[in-house]
Amino acid sequence: METKENGSVDTKSSVENGQLSDPAHWAVADVVNYFKATGFEEQANAFQDQEIDGKSLLLMTRNDVLTGLSIKLGPALKIYEYHVKPLQTQHLKMPVMFPDGLSRGR
């Protein structure tokens, strides 16, 4: 996602061919906007406060989400199970592009 000159956020860059872009490339604002868009507006601020970018998000454990973000238990469980974990799985399935131009599965 890119911030435009007027301060609005362009969400098109986080979606490629109808799918989310690789979360490893997300900035903190992209992570925050992702959670706001999925219905966790209040909890999205915790990701902002802790400066969680895409790389950090992909490294988070269940315990990190449940205890490290100071989010109520119910929303924290949903965030991890329905969003963080699937994003991690999706990332692992993405092909890796090598300098020779060939892509190989992870």
PDB file of N, CA and C in Angstrom:
ATOM      1  N   MET A   1       0.844  -1.171   0.000  1.00  0.00           N
ATOM      2  CA  MET A   1       0.000   0.000   0.000  1.00  0.00           C
ATOM      3  C   MET A   1       0.886   1.230   0.000  1.00  0.00           C
ATOM      4  N   GLU A   2       0.480   2.198  -0.749  1.00  0.00           N
ATOM      5  CA  GLU A   2       1.265   3.414  -0.844  1.00  0.00           C
ATOM      6  C   GLU A   2       0.439   4.592  -0.366  1.00  0.00           C
ATOM      7  N   THR A   3       1.117   5.529   0.299  1.00  0.00           N
ATOM      8  CA  THR A   3       0.449   6.744   0.735  1.00  0.00           C
ATOM      9  C   THR A   3       0.542   7.764  -0.390  1.00  0.00           C
ATOM     10  N   LYS A   4      -0.590   8.304  -0.774  1.00  0.00           N
ATOM     11  CA  LYS A   4      -0.636   9.297  -1.834  1.00  0.00           C
ATOM     12  C   LYS A   4      -0.307  10.668  -1.260  1.00  0.00           C
ATOM     13  N   GLU A   5      -0.113  11.624  -2.143  1.00  0.00           N
ATOM     14  CA  GLU A   5       0.221  12.982  -1.728  1.00  0.00           C
ATOM     15  C   GLU A   5      -0.825  13.575  -0.789  1.00  0.00           C
ATOM     16  N   ASN A   6      -2.100  13.225  -0.982  1.00  0.00           N
ATOM     17  CA  ASN A   6      -3.154  13.802  -0.154  1.00  0.00           C
ATOM     18  C   ASN A   6      -3.305  13.067   1.178  1.00  0.00           C
ATOM     19  N   GLY A   7      -2.429  12.065   1.431  1.00  0.00           N
ATOM     20  CA  GLY A   7      -2.472  11.359   2.713  1.00  0.00           C
ATOM     21  C   GLY A   7      -3.322  10.101   2.701  1.00  0.00           C
ATOM     22  N   SER A   8      -4.092   9.884   1.613  1.00  0.00           N
ATOM     23  CA  SER A   8      -4.889   8.668   1.548  1.00  0.00           C
ATOM     24  C   SER A   8      -3.988   7.490   1.201  1.00  0.00           C
ATOM     25  N   VAL A   9      -4.469   6.308   1.439  1.00  0.00           N
ATOM     26  CA  VAL A   9      -3.668   5.120   1.217  1.00  0.00           C
ATOM     27  C   VAL A   9      -4.180   4.378  -0.006  1.00  0.00           C
ATOM     28  N   ASP A  10      -3.270   4.002  -0.886  1.00  0.00           N
ATOM     29  CA  ASP A  10      -3.604   3.231  -2.070  1.00  0.00           C
ATOM     30  C   ASP A  10      -3.513   1.756  -1.726  1.00  0.00           C
ATOM     31  N   THR A  11      -4.661   1.095  -1.654  1.00  0.00           N
ATOM     32  CA  THR A  11      -4.671  -0.313  -1.270  1.00  0.00           C
ATOM     33  C   THR A  11      -4.420  -1.228  -2.455  1.00  0.00           C
ATOM     34  N   LYS A  12      -4.372  -0.696  -3.659  1.00  0.00           N
ATOM     35  CA  LYS A  12      -4.167  -1.531  -4.840  1.00  0.00           C
ATOM     36  C   LYS A  12      -2.821  -2.239  -4.798  1.00  0.00           C
ATOM     37  N   SER A  13      -1.781  -1.592  -4.248  1.00  0.00           N
ATOM     38  CA  SER A  13      -0.462  -2.193  -4.274  1.00  0.00           C
ATOM     39  C   SER A  13      -0.364  -3.419  -3.381  1.00  0.00           C
ATOM     40  N   SER A  14      -1.286  -3.610  -2.446  1.00  0.00           N
ATOM     41  CA  SER A  14      -1.254  -4.800  -1.604  1.00  0.00           C
ATOM     42  C   SER A  14      -2.000  -5.962  -2.242  1.00  0.00           C
ATOM     43  N   VAL A  15      -2.653  -5.688  -3.387  1.00  0.00           N
ATOM     44  CA  VAL A  15      -3.383  -6.734  -4.099  1.00  0.00           C
ATOM     45  C   VAL A  15      -2.791  -6.871  -5.497  1.00  0.00           C
ATOM     46  N   GLU A  16      -2.370  -8.091  -5.824  1.00  0.00           N
ATOM     47  CA  GLU A  16      -1.823  -8.360  -7.143  1.00  0.00           C
ATOM     48  C   GLU A  16      -2.606  -9.511  -7.759  1.00  0.00           C
ATOM     49  N   ASN A  17      -3.162  -9.288  -8.935  1.00  0.00           N
ATOM     50  CA  ASN A  17      -3.948 -10.319  -9.630  1.00  0.00           C
ATOM     51  C   ASN A  17      -5.052 -10.890  -8.745  1.00  0.00           C
ATOM     52  N   GLY A  18      -5.707 -10.047  -7.973  1.00  0.00           N
ATOM     53  CA  GLY A  18      -6.805 -10.502  -7.133  1.00  0.00           C
ATOM     54  C   GLY A  18      -6.378 -11.158  -5.836  1.00  0.00           C
ATOM     55  N   GLN A  19      -5.073 -11.223  -5.594  1.00  0.00           N
ATOM     56  CA  GLN A  19      -4.575 -11.826  -4.361  1.00  0.00           C
ATOM     57  C   GLN A  19      -3.732 -10.804  -3.613  1.00  0.00           C
ATOM     58  N   LEU A  20      -3.600 -11.025  -2.305  1.00  0.00           N
ATOM     59  CA  LEU A  20      -2.763 -10.139  -1.501  1.00  0.00           C
ATOM     60  C   LEU A  20      -1.317 -10.260  -1.938  1.00  0.00           C
ATOM     61  N   SER A  21      -0.599  -9.152  -1.921  1.00  0.00           N
ATOM     62  CA  SER A  21       0.827  -9.204  -2.208  1.00  0.00           C
ATOM     63  C   SER A  21       1.533  -9.917  -1.061  1.00  0.00           C
ATOM     64  N   ASP A  22       2.769 -10.230  -1.250  1.00  0.00           N
ATOM     65  CA  ASP A  22       3.548 -10.930  -0.233  1.00  0.00           C
ATOM     66  C   ASP A  22       3.634 -10.057   1.015  1.00  0.00           C
ATOM     67  N   PRO A  23       3.114 -10.528   2.142  1.00  0.00           N
ATOM     68  CA  PRO A  23       3.143  -9.734   3.373  1.00  0.00           C
ATOM     69  C   PRO A  23       4.558  -9.361   3.823  1.00  0.00           C
ATOM     70  N   ALA A  24       5.557 -10.087   3.374  1.00  0.00           N
ATOM     71  CA  ALA A  24       6.939  -9.771   3.746  1.00  0.00           C
ATOM     72  C   ALA A  24       7.344  -8.374   3.276  1.00  0.00           C
ATOM     73  N   HIS A  25       6.621  -7.844   2.299  1.00  0.00           N
ATOM     74  CA  HIS A  25       6.937  -6.520   1.754  1.00  0.00           C
ATOM     75  C   HIS A  25       6.065  -5.408   2.331  1.00  0.00           C
ATOM     76  N   TRP A  26       5.182  -5.738   3.266  1.00  0.00           N
ATOM     77  CA  TRP A  26       4.286  -4.741   3.836  1.00  0.00           C
ATOM     78  C   TRP A  26       5.019  -3.842   4.823  1.00  0.00           C
ATOM     79  N   ALA A  27       4.671  -2.575   4.795  1.00  0.00           N
ATOM     80  CA  ALA A  27       5.134  -1.620   5.808  1.00  0.00           C
ATOM     81  C   ALA A  27       4.172  -1.703   6.991  1.00  0.00           C
ATOM     82  N   VAL A  28       4.501  -1.022   8.070  1.00  0.00           N
ATOM     83  CA  VAL A  28       3.625  -1.003   9.250  1.00  0.00           C
ATOM     84  C   VAL A  28       2.228  -0.531   8.859  1.00  0.00           C
ATOM     85  N   ALA A  29       2.146   0.497   8.034  1.00  0.00           N
ATOM     86  CA  ALA A  29       0.844   1.029   7.616  1.00  0.00           C
ATOM     87  C   ALA A  29       0.031  -0.011   6.853  1.00  0.00           C
ATOM     88  N   ASP A  30       0.689  -0.853   6.072  1.00  0.00           N
ATOM     89  CA  ASP A  30      -0.008  -1.902   5.334  1.00  0.00           C
ATOM     90  C   ASP A  30      -0.609  -2.923   6.288  1.00  0.00           C
ATOM     91  N   VAL A  31       0.141  -3.303   7.312  1.00  0.00           N
ATOM     92  CA  VAL A  31      -0.348  -4.250   8.312  1.00  0.00           C
ATOM     93  C   VAL A  31      -1.558  -3.655   9.033  1.00  0.00           C
ATOM     94  N   VAL A  32      -1.434  -2.412   9.447  1.00  0.00           N
ATOM     95  CA  VAL A  32      -2.524  -1.731  10.144  1.00  0.00           C
ATOM     96  C   VAL A  32      -3.761  -1.666   9.249  1.00  0.00           C
ATOM     97  N   ASN A  33      -3.590  -1.272   8.006  1.00  0.00           N
ATOM     98  CA  ASN A  33      -4.722  -1.165   7.079  1.00  0.00           C
ATOM     99  C   ASN A  33      -5.341  -2.525   6.787  1.00  0.00           C
ATOM    100  N   TYR A  34      -4.526  -3.578   6.735  1.00  0.00           N
ATOM    101  CA  TYR A  34      -5.050  -4.925   6.523  1.00  0.00           C
ATOM    102  C   TYR A  34      -6.008  -5.293   7.658  1.00  0.00           C
ATOM    103  N   PHE A  35      -5.569  -5.071   8.906  1.00  0.00           N
ATOM    104  CA  PHE A  35      -6.423  -5.445  10.032  1.00  0.00           C
ATOM    105  C   PHE A  35      -7.641  -4.547  10.153  1.00  0.00           C
ATOM    106  N   LYS A  36      -7.509  -3.289   9.788  1.00  0.00           N
ATOM    107  CA  LYS A  36      -8.684  -2.412   9.774  1.00  0.00           C
ATOM    108  C   LYS A  36      -9.687  -2.904   8.735  1.00  0.00           C
ATOM    109  N   ALA A  37      -9.193  -3.301   7.574  1.00  0.00           N
ATOM    110  CA  ALA A  37     -10.071  -3.755   6.493  1.00  0.00           C
ATOM    111  C   ALA A  37     -10.748  -5.081   6.820  1.00  0.00           C
ATOM    112  N   THR A  38     -10.155  -5.872   7.709  1.00  0.00           N
ATOM    113  CA  THR A  38     -10.737  -7.169   8.063  1.00  0.00           C
ATOM    114  C   THR A  38     -11.628  -7.081   9.290  1.00  0.00           C
ATOM    115  N   GLY A  39     -11.897  -5.861   9.759  1.00  0.00           N
ATOM    116  CA  GLY A  39     -12.849  -5.682  10.854  1.00  0.00           C
ATOM    117  C   GLY A  39     -12.241  -5.540  12.233  1.00  0.00           C
ATOM    118  N   PHE A  40     -10.942  -5.375  12.297  1.00  0.00           N
ATOM    119  CA  PHE A  40     -10.271  -5.230  13.596  1.00  0.00           C
ATOM    120  C   PHE A  40      -9.678  -3.826  13.725  1.00  0.00           C
ATOM    121  N   GLU A  41     -10.538  -2.822  13.543  1.00  0.00           N
ATOM    122  CA  GLU A  41     -10.065  -1.437  13.572  1.00  0.00           C
ATOM    123  C   GLU A  41      -9.398  -1.073  14.893  1.00  0.00           C
ATOM    124  N   GLU A  42     -10.043  -1.427  15.997  1.00  0.00           N
ATOM    125  CA  GLU A  42      -9.508  -1.086  17.316  1.00  0.00           C
ATOM    126  C   GLU A  42      -8.180  -1.806  17.570  1.00  0.00           C
ATOM    127  N   GLN A  43      -8.121  -3.079  17.202  1.00  0.00           N
ATOM    128  CA  GLN A  43      -6.927  -3.880  17.456  1.00  0.00           C
ATOM    129  C   GLN A  43      -5.782  -3.515  16.508  1.00  0.00           C
ATOM    130  N   ALA A  44      -6.089  -2.944  15.362  1.00  0.00           N
ATOM    131  CA  ALA A  44      -5.054  -2.565  14.399  1.00  0.00           C
ATOM    132  C   ALA A  44      -4.068  -1.581  15.008  1.00  0.00           C
ATOM    133  N   ASN A  45      -4.548  -0.768  15.937  1.00  0.00           N
ATOM    134  CA  ASN A  45      -3.664   0.207  16.581  1.00  0.00           C
ATOM    135  C   ASN A  45      -2.538  -0.462  17.362  1.00  0.00           C
ATOM    136  N   ALA A  46      -2.780  -1.675  17.867  1.00  0.00           N
ATOM    137  CA  ALA A  46      -1.733  -2.391  18.602  1.00  0.00           C
ATOM    138  C   ALA A  46      -0.566  -2.730  17.674  1.00  0.00           C
ATOM    139  N   PHE A  47      -0.870  -3.040  16.419  1.00  0.00           N
ATOM    140  CA  PHE A  47       0.193  -3.332  15.454  1.00  0.00           C
ATOM    141  C   PHE A  47       0.977  -2.059  15.139  1.00  0.00           C
ATOM    142  N   GLN A  48       0.274  -0.928  15.098  1.00  0.00           N
ATOM    143  CA  GLN A  48       0.931   0.358  14.889  1.00  0.00           C
ATOM    144  C   GLN A  48       1.823   0.687  16.085  1.00  0.00           C
ATOM    145  N   ASP A  49       1.273   0.549  17.292  1.00  0.00           N
ATOM    146  CA  ASP A  49       2.024   0.877  18.503  1.00  0.00           C
ATOM    147  C   ASP A  49       3.291   0.044  18.640  1.00  0.00           C
ATOM    148  N   GLN A  50       3.217  -1.227  18.234  1.00  0.00           N
ATOM    149  CA  GLN A  50       4.368  -2.123  18.344  1.00  0.00           C
ATOM    150  C   GLN A  50       5.234  -2.119  17.078  1.00  0.00           C
ATOM    151  N   GLU A  51       4.871  -1.292  16.103  1.00  0.00           N
ATOM    152  CA  GLU A  51       5.610  -1.142  14.849  1.00  0.00           C
ATOM    153  C   GLU A  51       5.819  -2.482  14.143  1.00  0.00           C
ATOM    154  N   ILE A  52       4.721  -3.233  13.987  1.00  0.00           N
ATOM    155  CA  ILE A  52       4.758  -4.533  13.335  1.00  0.00           C
ATOM    156  C   ILE A  52       4.618  -4.344  11.823  1.00  0.00           C
ATOM    157  N   ASP A  53       5.683  -4.629  11.103  1.00  0.00           N
ATOM    158  CA  ASP A  53       5.611  -4.590   9.645  1.00  0.00           C
ATOM    159  C   ASP A  53       5.356  -6.011   9.145  1.00  0.00           C
ATOM    160  N   GLY A  54       5.349  -6.197   7.850  1.00  0.00           N
ATOM    161  CA  GLY A  54       5.043  -7.505   7.288  1.00  0.00           C
ATOM    162  C   GLY A  54       6.018  -8.596   7.703  1.00  0.00           C
ATOM    163  N   LYS A  55       7.297  -8.289   7.702  1.00  0.00           N
ATOM    164  CA  LYS A  55       8.287  -9.295   8.103  1.00  0.00           C
ATOM    165  C   LYS A  55       8.079  -9.708   9.548  1.00  0.00           C
ATOM    166  N   SER A  56       7.816  -8.734  10.406  1.00  0.00           N
ATOM    167  CA  SER A  56       7.565  -9.043  11.818  1.00  0.00           C
ATOM    168  C   SER A  56       6.283  -9.853  11.975  1.00  0.00           C
ATOM    169  N   LEU A  57       5.261  -9.495  11.217  1.00  0.00           N
ATOM    170  CA  LEU A  57       3.988 -10.208  11.269  1.00  0.00           C
ATOM    171  C   LEU A  57       4.180 -11.685  10.939  1.00  0.00           C
ATOM    172  N   LEU A  58       4.999 -11.953   9.923  1.00  0.00           N
ATOM    173  CA  LEU A  58       5.223 -13.331   9.507  1.00  0.00           C
ATOM    174  C   LEU A  58       6.028 -14.139  10.525  1.00  0.00           C
ATOM    175  N   LEU A  59       6.703 -13.457  11.427  1.00  0.00           N
ATOM    176  CA  LEU A  59       7.486 -14.135  12.464  1.00  0.00           C
ATOM    177  C   LEU A  59       6.720 -14.309  13.776  1.00  0.00           C
ATOM    178  N   MET A  60       5.541 -13.714  13.861  1.00  0.00           N
ATOM    179  CA  MET A  60       4.794 -13.747  15.122  1.00  0.00           C
ATOM    180  C   MET A  60       4.274 -15.145  15.445  1.00  0.00           C
ATOM    181  N   THR A  61       4.365 -15.487  16.710  1.00  0.00           N
ATOM    182  CA  THR A  61       3.803 -16.743  17.199  1.00  0.00           C
ATOM    183  C   THR A  61       2.436 -16.456  17.801  1.00  0.00           C
ATOM    184  N   ARG A  62       1.725 -17.514  18.095  1.00  0.00           N
ATOM    185  CA  ARG A  62       0.425 -17.379  18.739  1.00  0.00           C
ATOM    186  C   ARG A  62       0.569 -16.615  20.053  1.00  0.00           C
ATOM    187  N   ASN A  63       1.594 -16.950  20.816  1.00  0.00           N
ATOM    188  CA  ASN A  63       1.828 -16.292  22.095  1.00  0.00           C
ATOM    189  C   ASN A  63       2.119 -14.800  21.921  1.00  0.00           C
ATOM    190  N   ASP A  64       2.848 -14.443  20.878  1.00  0.00           N
ATOM    191  CA  ASP A  64       3.130 -13.025  20.610  1.00  0.00           C
ATOM    192  C   ASP A  64       1.832 -12.242  20.434  1.00  0.00           C
ATOM    193  N   VAL A  65       0.911 -12.809  19.667  1.00  0.00           N
ATOM    194  CA  VAL A  65      -0.359 -12.124  19.402  1.00  0.00           C
ATOM    195  C   VAL A  65      -1.214 -12.077  20.663  1.00  0.00           C
ATOM    196  N   LEU A  66      -1.241 -13.182  21.412  1.00  0.00           N
ATOM    197  CA  LEU A  66      -2.104 -13.254  22.599  1.00  0.00           C
ATOM    198  C   LEU A  66      -1.604 -12.385  23.750  1.00  0.00           C
ATOM    199  N   THR A  67      -0.299 -12.274  23.900  1.00  0.00           N
ATOM    200  CA  THR A  67       0.224 -11.549  25.076  1.00  0.00           C
ATOM    201  C   THR A  67       1.029 -10.296  24.736  1.00  0.00           C
ATOM    202  N   GLY A  68       1.651 -10.266  23.586  1.00  0.00           N
ATOM    203  CA  GLY A  68       2.560  -9.171  23.273  1.00  0.00           C
ATOM    204  C   GLY A  68       1.913  -7.905  22.755  1.00  0.00           C
ATOM    205  N   LEU A  69       0.670  -7.987  22.326  1.00  0.00           N
ATOM    206  CA  LEU A  69       0.016  -6.824  21.729  1.00  0.00           C
ATOM    207  C   LEU A  69      -1.002  -6.155  22.638  1.00  0.00           C
ATOM    208  N   SER A  70      -1.240  -6.723  23.814  1.00  0.00           N
ATOM    209  CA  SER A  70      -2.227  -6.186  24.761  1.00  0.00           C
ATOM    210  C   SER A  70      -3.619  -6.064  24.130  1.00  0.00           C
ATOM    211  N   ILE A  71      -4.005  -7.103  23.423  1.00  0.00           N
ATOM    212  CA  ILE A  71      -5.330  -7.184  22.801  1.00  0.00           C
ATOM    213  C   ILE A  71      -6.160  -8.157  23.621  1.00  0.00           C
ATOM    214  N   LYS A  72      -7.463  -7.894  23.733  1.00  0.00           N
ATOM    215  CA  LYS A  72      -8.343  -8.816  24.450  1.00  0.00           C
ATOM    216  C   LYS A  72      -8.232 -10.207  23.831  1.00  0.00           C
ATOM    217  N   LEU A  73      -8.419 -11.221  24.662  1.00  0.00           N
ATOM    218  CA  LEU A  73      -8.204 -12.609  24.259  1.00  0.00           C
ATOM    219  C   LEU A  73      -9.026 -13.032  23.037  1.00  0.00           C
ATOM    220  N   GLY A  74     -10.311 -12.745  23.023  1.00  0.00           N
ATOM    221  CA  GLY A  74     -11.165 -13.164  21.906  1.00  0.00           C
ATOM    222  C   GLY A  74     -10.677 -12.647  20.565  1.00  0.00           C
ATOM    223  N   PRO A  75     -10.532 -11.323  20.426  1.00  0.00           N
ATOM    224  CA  PRO A  75     -10.037 -10.797  19.156  1.00  0.00           C
ATOM    225  C   PRO A  75      -8.618 -11.288  18.830  1.00  0.00           C
ATOM    226  N   ALA A  76      -7.773 -11.438  19.852  1.00  0.00           N
ATOM    227  CA  ALA A  76      -6.405 -11.898  19.613  1.00  0.00           C
ATOM    228  C   ALA A  76      -6.394 -13.302  19.024  1.00  0.00           C
ATOM    229  N   LEU A  77      -7.249 -14.179  19.551  1.00  0.00           N
ATOM    230  CA  LEU A  77      -7.342 -15.542  19.016  1.00  0.00           C
ATOM    231  C   LEU A  77      -7.791 -15.532  17.565  1.00  0.00           C
ATOM    232  N   LYS A  78      -8.800 -14.711  17.259  1.00  0.00           N
ATOM    233  CA  LYS A  78      -9.304 -14.627  15.894  1.00  0.00           C
ATOM    234  C   LYS A  78      -8.247 -14.050  14.955  1.00  0.00           C
ATOM    235  N   ILE A  79      -7.552 -13.025  15.398  1.00  0.00           N
ATOM    236  CA  ILE A  79      -6.508 -12.407  14.584  1.00  0.00           C
ATOM    237  C   ILE A  79      -5.435 -13.431  14.244  1.00  0.00           C
ATOM    238  N   TYR A  80      -5.011 -14.205  15.236  1.00  0.00           N
ATOM    239  CA  TYR A  80      -3.957 -15.182  14.962  1.00  0.00           C
ATOM    240  C   TYR A  80      -4.471 -16.314  14.067  1.00  0.00           C
ATOM    241  N   GLU A  81      -5.566 -16.946  14.447  1.00  0.00           N
ATOM    242  CA  GLU A  81      -6.051 -18.135  13.739  1.00  0.00           C
ATOM    243  C   GLU A  81      -6.563 -17.841  12.329  1.00  0.00           C
ATOM    244  N   TYR A  82      -7.243 -16.715  12.156  1.00  0.00           N
ATOM    245  CA  TYR A  82      -7.875 -16.425  10.872  1.00  0.00           C
ATOM    246  C   TYR A  82      -7.094 -15.465   9.982  1.00  0.00           C
ATOM    247  N   HIS A  83      -6.038 -14.864  10.514  1.00  0.00           N
ATOM    248  CA  HIS A  83      -5.300 -13.896   9.707  1.00  0.00           C
ATOM    249  C   HIS A  83      -3.798 -14.124   9.723  1.00  0.00           C
ATOM    250  N   VAL A  84      -3.166 -14.091  10.896  1.00  0.00           N
ATOM    251  CA  VAL A  84      -1.711 -14.225  10.960  1.00  0.00           C
ATOM    252  C   VAL A  84      -1.270 -15.598  10.452  1.00  0.00           C
ATOM    253  N   LYS A  85      -1.843 -16.638  10.985  1.00  0.00           N
ATOM    254  CA  LYS A  85      -1.463 -18.003  10.594  1.00  0.00           C
ATOM    255  C   LYS A  85      -1.680 -18.243   9.093  1.00  0.00           C
ATOM    256  N   PRO A  86      -2.848 -17.890   8.531  1.00  0.00           N
ATOM    257  CA  PRO A  86      -3.027 -18.072   7.081  1.00  0.00           C
ATOM    258  C   PRO A  86      -2.055 -17.233   6.235  1.00  0.00           C
ATOM    259  N   LEU A  87      -1.738 -16.009   6.687  1.00  0.00           N
ATOM    260  CA  LEU A  87      -0.767 -15.192   5.957  1.00  0.00           C
ATOM    261  C   LEU A  87       0.607 -15.853   5.968  1.00  0.00           C
ATOM    262  N   GLN A  88       0.980 -16.444   7.100  1.00  0.00           N
ATOM    263  CA  GLN A  88       2.257 -17.149   7.196  1.00  0.00           C
ATOM    264  C   GLN A  88       2.272 -18.348   6.247  1.00  0.00           C
ATOM    265  N   THR A  89       1.175 -19.092   6.213  1.00  0.00           N
ATOM    266  CA  THR A  89       1.079 -20.258   5.330  1.00  0.00           C
ATOM    267  C   THR A  89       1.135 -19.833   3.869  1.00  0.00           C
ATOM    268  N   GLN A  90       0.407 -18.776   3.527  1.00  0.00           N
ATOM    269  CA  GLN A  90       0.398 -18.253   2.159  1.00  0.00           C
ATOM    270  C   GLN A  90       1.807 -17.840   1.751  1.00  0.00           C
ATOM    271  N   HIS A  91       2.506 -17.177   2.646  1.00  0.00           N
ATOM    272  CA  HIS A  91       3.864 -16.702   2.353  1.00  0.00           C
ATOM    273  C   HIS A  91       4.796 -17.875   2.064  1.00  0.00           C
ATOM    274  N   LEU A  92       4.666 -18.939   2.832  1.00  0.00           N
ATOM    275  CA  LEU A  92       5.532 -20.098   2.648  1.00  0.00           C
ATOM    276  C   LEU A  92       5.272 -20.803   1.321  1.00  0.00           C
ATOM    277  N   LYS A  93       4.062 -20.670   0.793  1.00  0.00           N
ATOM    278  CA  LYS A  93       3.710 -21.327  -0.467  1.00  0.00           C
ATOM    279  C   LYS A  93       4.083 -20.493  -1.688  1.00  0.00           C
ATOM    280  N   MET A  94       4.442 -19.230  -1.481  1.00  0.00           N
ATOM    281  CA  MET A  94       4.769 -18.362  -2.611  1.00  0.00           C
ATOM    282  C   MET A  94       6.095 -18.799  -3.236  1.00  0.00           C
ATOM    283  N   PRO A  95       6.177 -18.770  -4.570  1.00  0.00           N
ATOM    284  CA  PRO A  95       7.434 -19.136  -5.222  1.00  0.00           C
ATOM    285  C   PRO A  95       8.505 -18.086  -4.959  1.00  0.00           C
ATOM    286  N   VAL A  96       9.716 -18.532  -4.922  1.00  0.00           N
ATOM    287  CA  VAL A  96      10.858 -17.644  -4.711  1.00  0.00           C
ATOM    288  C   VAL A  96      11.481 -17.371  -6.075  1.00  0.00           C
ATOM    289  N   MET A  97      11.708 -16.114  -6.396  1.00  0.00           N
ATOM    290  CA  MET A  97      12.352 -15.766  -7.654  1.00  0.00           C
ATOM    291  C   MET A  97      13.859 -15.710  -7.438  1.00  0.00           C
ATOM    292  N   PHE A  98      14.586 -16.402  -8.276  1.00  0.00           N
ATOM    293  CA  PHE A  98      16.039 -16.450  -8.184  1.00  0.00           C
ATOM    294  C   PHE A  98      16.647 -15.560  -9.255  1.00  0.00           C
ATOM    295  N   PRO A  99      17.926 -15.160  -9.079  1.00  0.00           N
ATOM    296  CA  PRO A  99      18.561 -14.264 -10.050  1.00  0.00           C
ATOM    297  C   PRO A  99      18.561 -14.807 -11.483  1.00  0.00           C
ATOM    298  N   ASP A 100      18.486 -16.121 -11.648  1.00  0.00           N
ATOM    299  CA  ASP A 100      18.476 -16.680 -12.997  1.00  0.00           C
ATOM    300  C   ASP A 100      17.109 -16.542 -13.673  1.00  0.00           C
ATOM    301  N   GLY A 101      16.154 -15.908 -12.966  1.00  0.00           N
ATOM    302  CA  GLY A 101      14.832 -15.660 -13.541  1.00  0.00           C
ATOM    303  C   GLY A 101      13.860 -16.805 -13.346  1.00  0.00           C
ATOM    304  N   LEU A 102      14.327 -17.883 -12.763  1.00  0.00           N
ATOM    305  CA  LEU A 102      13.461 -19.024 -12.522  1.00  0.00           C
ATOM    306  C   LEU A 102      12.834 -18.917 -11.143  1.00  0.00           C
ATOM    307  N   SER A 103      11.615 -19.409 -11.023  1.00  0.00           N
ATOM    308  CA  SER A 103      10.989 -19.428  -9.703  1.00  0.00           C
ATOM    309  C   SER A 103      10.936 -20.863  -9.224  1.00  0.00           C
ATOM    310  N   ARG A 104      11.114 -21.022  -7.945  1.00  0.00           N
ATOM    311  CA  ARG A 104      11.075 -22.333  -7.347  1.00  0.00           C
ATOM    312  C   ARG A 104      10.223 -22.245  -6.093  1.00  0.00           C
ATOM    313  N   GLY A 105       9.493 -23.297  -5.785  1.00  0.00           N
ATOM    314  CA  GLY A 105       8.682 -23.306  -4.564  1.00  0.00           C
ATOM    315  C   GLY A 105       9.547 -23.260  -3.329  1.00  0.00           C
ATOM    316  N   ARG A 106       8.957 -22.842  -2.228  1.00  0.00           N
ATOM    317  CA  ARG A 106       9.720 -22.761  -0.979  1.00  0.00           C
ATOM    318  C   ARG A 106       9.843 -24.114  -0.359  1.00  0.00           C
TER     319      ARG A 106
END
